[in-house]
C-alpha atoms as a PDB file:
ATOM      1  CA  MET A   1     -12.253 -20.353   4.998  1.00  0.00           C
ATOM      2  CA  ASN A   2     -12.932 -23.646   6.750  1.00  0.00           C
ATOM      3  CA  ALA A   3     -10.485 -22.667   9.490  1.00  0.00           C
ATOM      4  CA  LEU A   4     -12.220 -19.308   9.981  1.00  0.00           C
ATOM      5  CA  GLN A   5     -15.662 -20.906  10.049  1.00  0.00           C
ATOM      6  CA  ALA A   6     -14.513 -23.373  12.681  1.00  0.00           C
ATOM      7  CA  ALA A   7     -13.054 -20.566  14.789  1.00  0.00           C
ATOM      8  CA  CYS A   8     -15.936 -18.097  14.429  1.00  0.00           C
ATOM      9  CA  GLY A   9     -19.005 -20.295  14.338  1.00  0.00           C
ATOM     10  CA  ASN A  10     -22.136 -18.932  12.703  1.00  0.00           C
ATOM     11  CA  ALA A  11     -21.905 -15.391  14.016  1.00  0.00           C
ATOM     12  CA  LEU A  12     -19.530 -14.045  11.355  1.00  0.00           C
ATOM     13  CA  GLN A  13     -20.458 -16.120   8.295  1.00  0.00           C
ATOM     14  CA  ASP A  14     -21.316 -13.025   6.228  1.00  0.00           C
ATOM     15  CA  ASN A  15     -17.919 -11.511   7.018  1.00  0.00           C
ATOM     16  CA  ILE A  16     -16.178 -14.735   6.035  1.00  0.00           C
ATOM     17  CA  ARG A  17     -18.042 -14.881   2.715  1.00  0.00           C
ATOM     18  CA  VAL A  18     -17.030 -11.297   1.898  1.00  0.00           C
ATOM     19  CA  LEU A  19     -13.414 -12.102   2.747  1.00  0.00           C
ATOM     20  CA  GLU A  20     -13.524 -15.230   0.598  1.00  0.00           C
ATOM     21  CA  LYS A  21     -14.891 -13.261  -2.358  1.00  0.00           C
ATOM     22  CA  MET A  22     -12.133 -10.655  -1.981  1.00  0.00           C
ATOM     23  CA  LEU A  23      -9.371 -13.290  -1.809  1.00  0.00           C
ATOM     24  CA  THR A  24     -10.846 -15.103  -4.814  1.00  0.00           C
ATOM     25  CA  ARG A  25     -10.610 -11.925  -6.862  1.00  0.00           C
ATOM     26  CA  PHE A  26      -7.063 -11.276  -5.700  1.00  0.00           C
ATOM     27  CA  SER A  27      -5.956 -14.797  -6.588  1.00  0.00           C
ATOM     28  CA  GLU A  28      -7.917 -14.969  -9.872  1.00  0.00           C
ATOM     29  CA  ASN A  29      -9.992 -17.929  -8.644  1.00  0.00           C
ATOM     30  CA  VAL A  30      -6.969 -19.985  -7.540  1.00  0.00           C
ATOM     31  CA  SER A  31      -7.763 -21.365  -4.076  1.00  0.00           C
ATOM     32  CA  TYR A  32      -4.484 -23.123  -3.252  1.00  0.00           C
ATOM     33  CA  GLY A  33      -1.739 -21.506  -1.219  1.00  0.00           C
ATOM     34  CA  ILE A  34      -1.212 -19.509   1.949  1.00  0.00           C
ATOM     35  CA  PRO A  35      -2.420 -15.869   2.012  1.00  0.00           C
ATOM     36  CA  ILE A  36       0.865 -13.928   2.116  1.00  0.00           C
ATOM     37  CA  GLY A  37       1.167 -10.156   1.845  1.00  0.00           C
ATOM     38  CA  PRO A  38       0.396  -7.201   4.131  1.00  0.00           C
ATOM     39  CA  ALA A  39      -0.048  -7.512   7.879  1.00  0.00           C
ATOM     40  CA  ALA A  40      -3.765  -8.330   7.575  1.00  0.00           C
ATOM     41  CA  SER A  41      -2.922 -11.587   5.787  1.00  0.00           C
ATOM     42  CA  ARG A  42      -0.909 -12.980   8.694  1.00  0.00           C
ATOM     43  CA  PRO A  43      -3.859 -14.130  10.834  1.00  0.00           C
ATOM     44  CA  LEU A  44      -5.224 -15.902   7.751  1.00  0.00           C
ATOM     45  CA  GLY A  45      -1.938 -17.727   7.215  1.00  0.00           C
ATOM     46  CA  GLU A  46      -1.864 -18.674  10.881  1.00  0.00           C
ATOM     47  CA  ALA A  47      -5.433 -19.987  10.707  1.00  0.00           C
ATOM     48  CA  VAL A  48      -4.556 -22.156   7.714  1.00  0.00           C
ATOM     49  CA  LEU A  49      -1.411 -23.701   9.225  1.00  0.00           C
ATOM     50  CA  ILE A  50      -2.365 -24.190  12.876  1.00  0.00           C
ATOM     51  CA  ASP A  51      -3.467 -27.781  12.202  1.00  0.00           C
ATOM     52  CA  VAL A  52      -0.095 -28.483  10.554  1.00  0.00           C
ATOM     53  CA  ASP A  53       1.716 -27.122  13.605  1.00  0.00           C
ATOM     54  CA  SER A  54      -0.418 -29.301  15.880  1.00  0.00           C
ATOM     55  CA  THR A  55       0.421 -32.392  13.844  1.00  0.00           C
ATOM     56  CA  LEU A  56       4.159 -31.738  14.031  1.00  0.00           C
ATOM     57  CA  LEU A  57       3.934 -31.210  17.782  1.00  0.00           C
ATOM     58  CA  SER A  58       2.012 -34.463  18.197  1.00  0.00           C
ATOM     59  CA  PHE A  59       4.966 -36.274  16.577  1.00  0.00           C
ATOM     60  CA  ASP A  60       7.427 -34.521  18.935  1.00  0.00           C
ATOM     61  CA  ILE A  61       9.069 -32.754  15.994  1.00  0.00           C
ATOM     62  CA  ASP A  62      11.133 -29.735  17.064  1.00  0.00           C
ATOM     63  CA  PHE A  63      10.499 -26.803  14.711  1.00  0.00           C
ATOM     64  CA  VAL A  64       9.946 -23.074  14.353  1.00  0.00           C
ATOM     65  CA  ARG A  65       7.775 -21.388  11.745  1.00  0.00           C
ATOM     66  CA  PHE A  66       7.617 -17.848  10.405  1.00  0.00           C
ATOM     67  CA  THR A  67       4.514 -17.375   8.249  1.00  0.00           C
ATOM     68  CA  ASP A  68       4.940 -20.219   5.719  1.00  0.00           C
ATOM     69  CA  ASP A  69       8.630 -21.044   6.309  1.00  0.00           C
ATOM     70  CA  TYR A  70       9.416 -24.057   8.511  1.00  0.00           C
ATOM     71  CA  VAL A  71      12.773 -24.881  10.092  1.00  0.00           C
ATOM     72  CA  ILE A  72      13.005 -28.364  11.654  1.00  0.00           C
ATOM     73  CA  PHE A  73      15.710 -29.231  14.207  1.00  0.00           C
ATOM     74  CA  ALA A  74      16.979 -32.781  14.743  1.00  0.00           C
ATOM     75  CA  THR A  75      20.018 -34.616  16.131  1.00  0.00           C
ATOM     76  CA  THR A  76      20.535 -36.836  13.069  1.00  0.00           C
ATOM     77  CA  PRO A  77      19.890 -36.510   9.324  1.00  0.00           C
ATOM     78  CA  GLU A  78      17.399 -39.372   9.581  1.00  0.00           C
ATOM     79  CA  GLU A  79      15.332 -37.497  12.168  1.00  0.00           C
ATOM     80  CA  ALA A  80      15.382 -34.392   9.983  1.00  0.00           C
ATOM     81  CA  GLU A  81      14.178 -36.408   6.976  1.00  0.00           C
ATOM     82  CA  TYR A  82      11.397 -37.876   9.104  1.00  0.00           C
ATOM     83  CA  GLY A  83      10.279 -34.390  10.136  1.00  0.00           C
ATOM     84  CA  ILE A  84      10.276 -33.204   6.523  1.00  0.00           C
ATOM     85  CA  ARG A  85       8.229 -36.245   5.471  1.00  0.00           C
ATOM     86  CA  VAL A  86       5.600 -35.644   8.172  1.00  0.00           C
ATOM     87  CA  LEU A  87       5.425 -31.961   7.239  1.00  0.00           C
ATOM     88  CA  GLY A  88       5.080 -32.686   3.524  1.00  0.00           C
ATOM     89  CA  GLU A  89       2.418 -35.370   4.004  1.00  0.00           C
ATOM     90  CA  THR A  90       0.391 -33.181   6.371  1.00  0.00           C
ATOM     91  CA  LEU A  91       0.479 -30.187   4.053  1.00  0.00           C
ATOM     92  CA  PHE A  92      -0.666 -32.303   1.115  1.00  0.00           C
ATOM     93  CA  MET A  93      -3.339 -34.339   2.900  1.00  0.00           C
ATOM     94  CA  ASN A  94      -4.870 -31.409   4.799  1.00  0.00           C
ATOM     95  CA  HIS A  95      -4.482 -28.599   2.265  1.00  0.00           C
ATOM     96  CA  GLY A  96      -3.296 -29.961  -1.067  1.00  0.00           C
ATOM     97  CA  LEU A  97      -0.045 -28.028  -0.621  1.00  0.00           C
ATOM     98  CA  THR A  98       3.509 -29.211  -1.353  1.00  0.00           C
ATOM     99  CA  LEU A  99       6.945 -28.212  -0.119  1.00  0.00           C
ATOM    100  CA  GLN A 100       9.139 -26.145  -2.421  1.00  0.00           C
ATOM    101  CA  THR A 101      11.902 -28.560  -3.386  1.00  0.00           C
ATOM    102  CA  ALA A 102      14.305 -25.712  -4.221  1.00  0.00           C
ATOM    103  CA  LYS A 103      14.071 -24.399  -0.660  1.00  0.00           C
ATOM    104  CA  THR A 104      13.910 -27.741   1.182  1.00  0.00           C
ATOM    105  CA  ARG A 105      17.316 -29.011   2.310  1.00  0.00           C
ATOM    106  CA  ILE A 106      19.079 -30.639   5.250  1.00  0.00           C
ATOM    107  CA  LEU A 107      22.081 -28.822   6.719  1.00  0.00           C
ATOM    108  CA  ARG A 108      24.498 -29.565   9.526  1.00  0.00           C
ATOM    109  CA  GLY A 109      24.270 -27.173  12.448  1.00  0.00           C
ATOM    110  CA  SER A 110      27.628 -25.581  11.609  1.00  0.00           C
ATOM    111  CA  ASP A 111      26.579 -25.041   7.977  1.00  0.00           C
ATOM    112  CA  TYR A 112      23.281 -23.538   9.088  1.00  0.00           C
ATOM    113  CA  VAL A 113      25.066 -21.069  11.370  1.00  0.00           C
ATOM    114  CA  ALA A 114      27.543 -20.107   8.632  1.00  0.00           C
ATOM    115  CA  ARG A 115      24.843 -19.611   5.998  1.00  0.00           C
ATOM    116  CA  TYR A 116      22.008 -18.006   7.958  1.00  0.00           C
ATOM    117  CA  LEU A 117      23.346 -16.720  11.274  1.00  0.00           C
ATOM    118  CA  THR A 118      26.408 -14.777  10.149  1.00  0.00           C
ATOM    119  CA  THR A 119      27.157 -11.268  11.425  1.00  0.00           C
ATOM    120  CA  HIS A 120      24.804  -8.733   9.928  1.00  0.00           C
ATOM    121  CA  THR A 121      26.067  -6.193   7.419  1.00  0.00           C
ATOM    122  CA  LYS A 122      26.100  -2.492   8.246  1.00  0.00           C
ATOM    123  CA  LYS A 123      22.992  -2.115   6.076  1.00  0.00           C
ATOM    124  CA  GLU A 124      21.097  -4.761   8.041  1.00  0.00           C
ATOM    125  CA  GLU A 125      22.291  -3.322  11.364  1.00  0.00           C
ATOM    126  CA  ASP A 126      20.911   0.098  10.362  1.00  0.00           C
ATOM    127  CA  ARG A 127      17.593  -1.466   9.376  1.00  0.00           C
ATOM    128  CA  ARG A 128      17.345  -3.288  12.690  1.00  0.00           C
ATOM    129  CA  LYS A 129      18.237  -0.153  14.630  1.00  0.00           C
ATOM    130  CA  LEU A 130      15.529   1.801  12.825  1.00  0.00           C
ATOM    131  CA  LEU A 131      13.119  -1.054  13.489  1.00  0.00           C
ATOM    132  CA  ASP A 132      13.891  -0.878  17.213  1.00  0.00           C
ATOM    133  CA  LEU A 133      13.468   2.904  17.274  1.00  0.00           C
ATOM    134  CA  VAL A 134      10.139   3.159  15.486  1.00  0.00           C
ATOM    135  CA  GLY A 135       8.532  -0.008  16.812  1.00  0.00           C
ATOM    136  CA  ALA A 136       8.136  -2.276  13.785  1.00  0.00           C
ATOM    137  CA  TYR A 137       7.447   0.709  11.512  1.00  0.00           C
ATOM    138  CA  ASP A 138       4.034   1.121  13.082  1.00  0.00           C
ATOM    139  CA  GLU A 139       2.560   4.000  11.080  1.00  0.00           C
ATOM    140  CA  SER A 140       0.754   5.267  14.164  1.00  0.00           C
ATOM    141  CA  VAL A 141       4.182   6.188  15.585  1.00  0.00           C
ATOM    142  CA  SER A 142       5.195   9.420  13.904  1.00  0.00           C
ATOM    143  CA  TYR A 143       8.530  11.145  14.195  1.00  0.00           C
ATOM    144  CA  GLU A 144       6.910  14.064  16.021  1.00  0.00           C
ATOM    145  CA  ASP A 145       5.567  11.700  18.704  1.00  0.00           C
ATOM    146  CA  MET A 146       8.993  10.318  19.556  1.00  0.00           C
ATOM    147  CA  GLY A 147      11.209  11.463  22.387  1.00  0.00           C
ATOM    148  CA  GLU A 148      14.197  13.740  21.808  1.00  0.00           C
ATOM    149  CA  THR A 149      16.659  10.860  22.204  1.00  0.00           C
ATOM    150  CA  GLN A 150      14.878   8.776  19.561  1.00  0.00           C
ATOM    151  CA  GLN A 151      14.682  11.747  17.204  1.00  0.00           C
ATOM    152  CA  ARG A 152      18.394  12.440  17.550  1.00  0.00           C
ATOM    153  CA  GLU A 153      19.238   8.813  16.807  1.00  0.00           C
ATOM    154  CA  ILE A 154      17.026   8.798  13.718  1.00  0.00           C
ATOM    155  CA  ASP A 155      18.441  12.135  12.513  1.00  0.00           C
ATOM    156  CA  ALA A 156      21.929  10.668  12.791  1.00  0.00           C
ATOM    157  CA  MET A 157      21.034   7.809  10.448  1.00  0.00           C
ATOM    158  CA  ASN A 158      21.569   7.989   6.705  1.00  0.00           C
ATOM    159  CA  LEU A 159      17.899   7.652   5.805  1.00  0.00           C
ATOM    160  CA  SER A 160      18.533   8.770   2.219  1.00  0.00           C
ATOM    161  CA  GLY A 161      20.999   5.943   1.726  1.00  0.00           C
ATOM    162  CA  MET A 162      18.654   3.487   3.429  1.00  0.00           C
ATOM    163  CA  LEU A 163      15.843   4.497   1.076  1.00  0.00           C
ATOM    164  CA  ALA A 164      18.070   4.014  -1.964  1.00  0.00           C
ATOM    165  CA  ASP A 165      19.207   0.612  -0.653  1.00  0.00           C
ATOM    166  CA  ALA A 166      15.641  -0.483   0.134  1.00  0.00           C
ATOM    167  CA  LEU A 167      14.598   0.296  -3.445  1.00  0.00           C
ATOM    168  CA  ALA A 168      17.696  -1.175  -5.102  1.00  0.00           C
ATOM    169  CA  GLU A 169      17.173  -3.588  -7.981  1.00  0.00           C
ATOM    170  CA  GLY A 170      16.628  -7.129  -6.799  1.00  0.00           C
ATOM    171  CA  GLN A 171      15.555  -6.134  -3.291  1.00  0.00           C
ATOM    172  CA  ASN A 172      12.176  -7.088  -1.860  1.00  0.00           C
ATOM    173  CA  VAL A 173      10.650  -3.810  -0.727  1.00  0.00           C
ATOM    174  CA  ASP A 174       9.757  -3.600   2.958  1.00  0.00           C
ATOM    175  CA  PHE A 175       6.844  -1.213   2.553  1.00  0.00           C
ATOM    176  CA  ARG A 176       6.600  -0.347   6.243  1.00  0.00           C
ATOM    177  CA  GLU A 177      10.255   0.642   6.285  1.00  0.00           C
ATOM    178  CA  VAL A 178      10.017   2.640   3.063  1.00  0.00           C
ATOM    179  CA  SER A 179       6.799   4.325   4.184  1.00  0.00           C
ATOM    180  CA  PHE A 180       8.350   5.476   7.456  1.00  0.00           C
ATOM    181  CA  ILE A 181      11.533   6.707   5.770  1.00  0.00           C
ATOM    182  CA  LEU A 182       9.561   8.645   3.155  1.00  0.00           C
ATOM    183  CA  GLY A 183       7.424  10.213   5.843  1.00  0.00           C
ATOM    184  CA  ARG A 184      10.487  11.332   7.777  1.00  0.00           C
ATOM    185  CA  LEU A 185      12.347  12.536   4.704  1.00  0.00           C
ATOM    186  CA  SER A 186       9.351  14.539   3.496  1.00  0.00           C
ATOM    187  CA  ALA A 187       9.647  16.643   6.657  1.00  0.00           C
ATOM    188  CA  LEU A 188      13.313  17.292   5.853  1.00  0.00           C
ATOM    189  CA  GLU A 189      12.419  18.433   2.308  1.00  0.00           C
ATOM    190  CA  LYS A 190      15.457  16.999   0.550  1.00  0.00           C
ATOM    191  CA  PRO A 191      15.012  17.616  -3.208  1.00  0.00           C
ATOM    192  CA  GLU A 192      17.841  15.209  -4.064  1.00  0.00           C
ATOM    193  CA  LEU A 193      15.489  12.391  -3.093  1.00  0.00           C
ATOM    194  CA  ILE A 194      12.882  13.283  -5.721  1.00  0.00           C
ATOM    195  CA  PRO A 195      14.599  11.298  -8.547  1.00  0.00           C
ATOM    196  CA  ILE A 196      14.797   8.212  -6.286  1.00  0.00           C
ATOM    197  CA  VAL A 197      11.043   8.365  -5.667  1.00  0.00           C
ATOM    198  CA  LEU A 198      10.128   9.093  -9.293  1.00  0.00           C
ATOM    199  CA  ASN A 199      12.310   6.263 -10.590  1.00  0.00           C
ATOM    200  CA  ASN A 200      10.589   3.825  -8.256  1.00  0.00           C
ATOM    201  CA  LEU A 201       6.927   4.817  -8.567  1.00  0.00           C
ATOM    202  CA  GLU A 202       5.892   1.316  -9.602  1.00  0.00           C
ATOM    203  CA  ARG A 203       7.578  -0.298  -6.612  1.00  0.00           C
ATOM    204  CA  LEU A 204       6.227   2.399  -4.283  1.00  0.00           C
ATOM    205  CA  ALA A 205       2.634   2.155  -5.538  1.00  0.00           C
ATOM    206  CA  PRO A 206       1.486   0.120  -2.477  1.00  0.00           C
ATOM    207  CA  VAL A 207       2.530   3.056  -0.250  1.00  0.00           C
ATOM    208  CA  ALA A 208       1.120   5.800  -2.491  1.00  0.00           C
ATOM    209  CA  HIS A 209      -0.027   7.647   0.641  1.00  0.00           C
ATOM    210  CA  SER A 210       3.648   8.162   1.480  1.00  0.00           C
ATOM    211  CA  ILE A 211       4.376   9.376  -2.053  1.00  0.00           C
ATOM    212  CA  ALA A 212       1.614  11.944  -1.618  1.00  0.00           C
ATOM    213  CA  ALA A 213       2.886  13.052   1.792  1.00  0.00           C
ATOM    214  CA  PHE A 214       6.389  13.332   0.361  1.00  0.00           C
ATOM    215  CA  PHE A 215       5.495  15.593  -2.586  1.00  0.00           C
ATOM    216  CA  LYS A 216       2.999  17.745  -0.701  1.00  0.00           C
ATOM    217  CA  ARG A 217       5.972  19.081   1.271  1.00  0.00           C
ATOM    218  CA  PHE A 218       7.740  20.252  -1.914  1.00  0.00           C
ATOM    219  CA  GLU A 219       5.401  23.020  -3.004  1.00  0.00           C
ATOM    220  CA  ASP A 220       8.303  25.470  -3.381  1.00  0.00           C
ATOM    221  CA  MET A 221      10.355  23.333  -5.793  1.00  0.00           C
ATOM    222  CA  ASP A 222      11.420  24.905  -9.079  1.00  0.00           C
ATOM    223  CA  GLY A 223       8.920  24.810 -11.908  1.00  0.00           C
ATOM    224  CA  GLN A 224      10.863  22.410 -14.112  1.00  0.00           C
ATOM    225  CA  THR A 225      11.217  19.815 -11.335  1.00  0.00           C
ATOM    226  CA  ARG A 226       7.541  20.159 -10.423  1.00  0.00           C
ATOM    227  CA  GLU A 227       6.511  19.713 -14.070  1.00  0.00           C
ATOM    228  CA  LYS A 228       8.633  16.578 -14.387  1.00  0.00           C
ATOM    229  CA  SER A 229       7.358  15.181 -11.092  1.00  0.00           C
ATOM    230  CA  ALA A 230       3.698  15.854 -11.879  1.00  0.00           C
ATOM    231  CA  SER A 231       3.939  14.268 -15.334  1.00  0.00           C
ATOM    232  CA  ALA A 232       5.717  11.195 -13.971  1.00  0.00           C
ATOM    233  CA  MET A 233       3.087  10.636 -11.281  1.00  0.00           C
ATOM    234  CA  LEU A 234       0.115  11.125 -13.618  1.00  0.00           C
ATOM    235  CA  ASP A 235       1.461   9.066 -16.541  1.00  0.00           C
ATOM    236  CA  PRO A 236       0.592   5.660 -15.003  1.00  0.00           C
ATOM    237  CA  ILE A 237      -3.005   6.807 -14.474  1.00  0.00           C
ATOM    238  CA  LEU A 238      -3.309   8.304 -17.950  1.00  0.00           C
ATOM    239  CA  ASN A 239      -1.853   5.178 -19.555  1.00  0.00           C
ATOM    240  CA  ASN A 240      -3.894   2.712 -17.465  1.00  0.00           C
ATOM    241  CA  SER A 241      -0.741   1.137 -16.111  1.00  0.00           C
ATOM    242  CA  LYS A 242      -1.306  -2.112 -14.253  1.00  0.00           C
ATOM    243  CA  TYR A 243       0.082  -0.602 -11.039  1.00  0.00           C
ATOM    244  CA  ALA A 244      -2.070   2.538 -11.213  1.00  0.00           C
ATOM    245  CA  SER A 245      -4.704   1.108  -8.894  1.00  0.00           C
ATOM    246  CA  GLU A 246      -7.531   3.124  -7.385  1.00  0.00           C
ATOM    247  CA  TYR A 247      -5.387   3.454  -4.268  1.00  0.00           C
ATOM    248  CA  TYR A 248      -2.442   4.877  -6.210  1.00  0.00           C
ATOM    249  CA  SER A 249      -4.671   7.138  -8.343  1.00  0.00           C
ATOM    250  CA  ILE A 250      -6.574   8.595  -5.394  1.00  0.00           C
ATOM    251  CA  TRP A 251      -3.450   9.485  -3.441  1.00  0.00           C
ATOM    252  CA  ILE A 252      -1.660  10.991  -6.444  1.00  0.00           C
ATOM    253  CA  LEU A 253      -4.720  13.069  -7.367  1.00  0.00           C
ATOM    254  CA  SER A 254      -4.875  14.285  -3.768  1.00  0.00           C
ATOM    255  CA  ILE A 255      -1.549  16.058  -4.417  1.00  0.00           C
ATOM    256  CA  PHE A 256      -3.140  18.074  -7.230  1.00  0.00           C
ATOM    257  CA  ALA A 257      -6.173  18.771  -5.072  1.00  0.00           C
ATOM    258  CA  SER A 258      -3.991  20.124  -2.277  1.00  0.00           C
ATOM    259  CA  ASN A 259      -2.393  23.036  -4.145  1.00  0.00           C
ATOM    260  CA  SER A 260      -2.936  24.720  -7.513  1.00  0.00           C
ATOM    261  CA  VAL A 261       0.814  24.973  -8.145  1.00  0.00           C
ATOM    262  CA  TRP A 262       0.726  21.402  -9.482  1.00  0.00           C
ATOM    263  CA  ASP A 263      -1.482  22.475 -12.419  1.00  0.00           C
ATOM    264  CA  HIS A 264      -1.849  19.803 -15.217  1.00  0.00           C
ATOM    265  CA  ALA A 265      -5.558  20.569 -15.500  1.00  0.00           C
ATOM    266  CA  ASP A 266      -5.861  19.094 -19.008  1.00  0.00           C
ATOM    267  CA  SER A 267      -4.482  15.764 -17.793  1.00  0.00           C
ATOM    268  CA  LEU A 268      -6.787  15.858 -14.780  1.00  0.00           C
ATOM    269  CA  LEU A 269      -9.782  16.446 -17.059  1.00  0.00           C
ATOM    270  CA  LYS A 270      -8.768  13.478 -19.219  1.00  0.00           C
ATOM    271  CA  ILE A 271      -8.548  11.251 -16.136  1.00  0.00           C
ATOM    272  CA  PHE A 272     -11.937  12.562 -14.972  1.00  0.00           C
ATOM    273  CA  ARG A 273     -13.592  11.725 -18.304  1.00  0.00           C
ATOM    274  CA  GLU A 274     -11.962   8.353 -18.977  1.00  0.00           C
ATOM    275  CA  THR A 275     -11.865   6.641 -15.589  1.00  0.00           C
ATOM    276  CA  HIS A 276     -14.357   3.895 -14.803  1.00  0.00           C
ATOM    277  CA  SER A 277     -13.841   4.325 -11.071  1.00  0.00           C
ATOM    278  CA  ASP A 278     -16.284   6.495  -9.173  1.00  0.00           C
ATOM    279  CA  ALA A 279     -13.708   7.104  -6.443  1.00  0.00           C
ATOM    280  CA  VAL A 280     -11.029   8.187  -8.944  1.00  0.00           C
ATOM    281  CA  ARG A 281     -13.519  10.476 -10.711  1.00  0.00           C
ATOM    282  CA  ARG A 282     -14.338  12.088  -7.374  1.00  0.00           C
ATOM    283  CA  PHE A 283     -10.694  12.896  -6.626  1.00  0.00           C
ATOM    284  CA  ALA A 284     -10.096  14.037 -10.205  1.00  0.00           C
ATOM    285  CA  ALA A 285     -12.995  16.488  -9.735  1.00  0.00           C
ATOM    286  CA  LEU A 286     -11.511  17.740  -6.472  1.00  0.00           C
ATOM    287  CA  ALA A 287      -8.156  18.197  -8.224  1.00  0.00           C
ATOM    288  CA  LEU A 288      -9.832  20.117 -11.053  1.00  0.00           C
ATOM    289  CA  GLY A 289     -11.537  22.307  -8.496  1.00  0.00           C
ATOM    290  CA  THR A 290      -8.090  23.286  -7.218  1.00  0.00           C
ATOM    291  CA  SER A 291      -5.849  23.170 -10.288  1.00  0.00           C
ATOM    292  CA  GLY A 292      -8.331  23.673 -13.149  1.00  0.00           C
ATOM    293  CA  THR A 293      -9.854  26.727 -14.756  1.00  0.00           C
ATOM    294  CA  ARG A 294     -13.356  27.414 -16.025  1.00  0.00           C
ATOM    295  CA  ALA A 295     -12.303  25.930 -19.370  1.00  0.00           C
ATOM    296  CA  GLN A 296     -11.813  22.494 -17.785  1.00  0.00           C
ATOM    297  CA  VAL A 297     -14.344  22.635 -14.961  1.00  0.00           C
ATOM    298  CA  ILE A 298     -17.277  23.510 -17.198  1.00  0.00           C
ATOM    299  CA  HIS A 299     -17.148  19.921 -18.501  1.00  0.00           C
ATOM    300  CA  VAL A 300     -17.946  18.383 -15.104  1.00  0.00           C
ATOM    301  CA  LYS A 301     -21.486  19.769 -14.869  1.00  0.00           C
ATOM    302  CA  GLN A 302     -22.778  17.313 -17.493  1.00  0.00           C
ATOM    303  CA  TYR A 303     -21.889  14.440 -15.131  1.00  0.00           C
ATOM    304  CA  LEU A 304     -23.820  15.809 -12.165  1.00  0.00           C
ATOM    305  CA  SER A 305     -27.243  14.324 -12.872  1.00  0.00           C
ATOM    306  CA  ALA A 306     -25.909  10.747 -13.161  1.00  0.00           C
ATOM    307  CA  ALA A 307     -23.199  11.028 -10.513  1.00  0.00           C
ATOM    308  CA  SER A 308     -23.273   9.003  -7.314  1.00  0.00           C
ATOM    309  CA  SER A 309     -23.682  10.766  -4.002  1.00  0.00           C
ATOM    310  CA  LEU A 310     -19.953  10.190  -3.437  1.00  0.00           C
ATOM    311  CA  SER A 311     -19.006  12.142  -6.569  1.00  0.00           C
ATOM    312  CA  ARG A 312     -21.775  14.768  -6.655  1.00  0.00           C
ATOM    313  CA  THR A 313     -20.409  16.882  -3.840  1.00  0.00           C
ATOM    314  CA  ALA A 314     -16.907  16.849  -5.369  1.00  0.00           C
ATOM    315  CA  LEU A 315     -18.310  17.902  -8.734  1.00  0.00           C
ATOM    316  CA  MET A 316     -20.280  20.683  -7.082  1.00  0.00           C
ATOM    317  CA  LEU A 317     -17.187  21.966  -5.332  1.00  0.00           C
ATOM    318  CA  ALA A 318     -15.327  21.931  -8.644  1.00  0.00           C
ATOM    319  CA  THR A 319     -17.924  24.215 -10.239  1.00  0.00           C
ATOM    320  CA  ALA A 320     -16.604  27.060  -8.061  1.00  0.00           C
ATOM    321  CA  LYS A 321     -14.372  27.937 -11.033  1.00  0.00           C
ATOM    322  CA  MET A 322     -17.450  28.676 -13.168  1.00  0.00           C
ATOM    323  CA  GLY A 323     -19.070  32.089 -13.411  1.00  0.00           C
ATOM    324  CA  ARG A 324     -21.452  33.230 -10.686  1.00  0.00           C
ATOM    325  CA  ASP A 325     -24.499  33.283 -12.968  1.00  0.00           C
ATOM    326  CA  GLU A 326     -23.575  29.877 -14.375  1.00  0.00           C
ATOM    327  CA  ARG A 327     -23.490  28.359 -10.912  1.00  0.00           C
ATOM    328  CA  LYS A 328     -26.734  30.059  -9.928  1.00  0.00           C
ATOM    329  CA  TYR A 329     -28.526  28.608 -12.960  1.00  0.00           C
ATOM    330  CA  LEU A 330     -26.923  25.195 -12.365  1.00  0.00           C
ATOM    331  CA  LYS A 331     -28.115  25.186  -8.757  1.00  0.00           C
ATOM    332  CA  GLN A 332     -31.658  26.013  -9.827  1.00  0.00           C
ATOM    333  CA  SER A 333     -31.697  23.356 -12.541  1.00  0.00           C
ATOM    334  CA  LEU A 334     -30.576  20.646 -10.121  1.00  0.00           C
ATOM    335  CA  ARG A 335     -33.437  21.381  -7.695  1.00  0.00           C
ATOM    336  CA  LEU A 336     -31.399  20.355  -4.708  1.00  0.00           C
ATOM    337  CA  HIS A 337     -32.985  19.246  -1.444  1.00  0.00           C
ATOM    338  CA  ASP A 338     -29.897  18.046   0.400  1.00  0.00           C
ATOM    339  CA  SER A 339     -28.519  20.851   2.599  1.00  0.00           C
ATOM    340  CA  PHE A 340     -24.938  19.631   2.273  1.00  0.00           C
ATOM    341  CA  GLU A 341     -25.132  19.634  -1.543  1.00  0.00           C
ATOM    342  CA  LYS A 342     -26.581  23.145  -1.432  1.00  0.00           C
ATOM    343  CA  LEU A 343     -23.638  24.210   0.673  1.00  0.00           C
ATOM    344  CA  CYS A 344     -21.147  22.636  -1.734  1.00  0.00           C
ATOM    345  CA  ILE A 345     -22.520  24.399  -4.794  1.00  0.00           C
ATOM    346  CA  THR A 346     -22.744  27.810  -3.092  1.00  0.00           C
ATOM    347  CA  SER A 347     -19.402  27.739  -1.238  1.00  0.00           C
END
């Protein structure tokens, strides 16, 4: 935060305070460490370590850094040890940070080449080729926007195998890679990939939008597979699993709001009643409006008077499954003045 305040001056202090509060909640009040995670965290990590980089440069230490990993180059072991000492002292004095002893070592150049610069495996070559084709997995670059040559090259790749490898046990998931692959594979509608996705829902939770896009393309799957898929996706929400965040819940519920074939109205009603999240309740109401019947939807009207403006319109849309006279009386009892809400309850 000090680094951001120094860079931004007084103009953005409110923004910095909001960011600090968010990071404090993420880290459970622990303030030590470098913010590491999605792409948005990278500028924060750079802001924290720029003074460390400047110190190393002032001592003529030759190094490269990627996020929070430093590699120091020297002509003798003594010079390398000196560089490590300066780095460690600077990190501790400026930030209260320490080097990870398990990852800090001195290697000869030949050993470094053998250990870290060996020929890439076929798996890594495929990943790098895909990276080159899609431009760092930028989600703004869709398959449809690519040229014919790029599309042919991607179609020739074993994306199914790459997805399975990316989600293999012990692998750190590259969410940009997985998100792009899922998006492409959803267009191909390969049902053999459904078990891979369902078995990795917890690891895929950060890219729940891609899970939703994937399953929305499988509306014609057989009933048994759809039942199994729907139950698997809803179970984490129903059981308050630690990875069933608002983000995950909203995107999964959007599947049930998109088409009535997904059904599971009783489970959707339970989520609607038990959630403490206004956003999740809104999407549960939208899902009930699509997949529910009067028997489930009639319960939502009791929440209308206390609902937030975010949820009210969704609840009103859900009441479309109620009888015409019921809705007419409900509209009169609410004494609506907002034209959009009137539209929602009469549509």
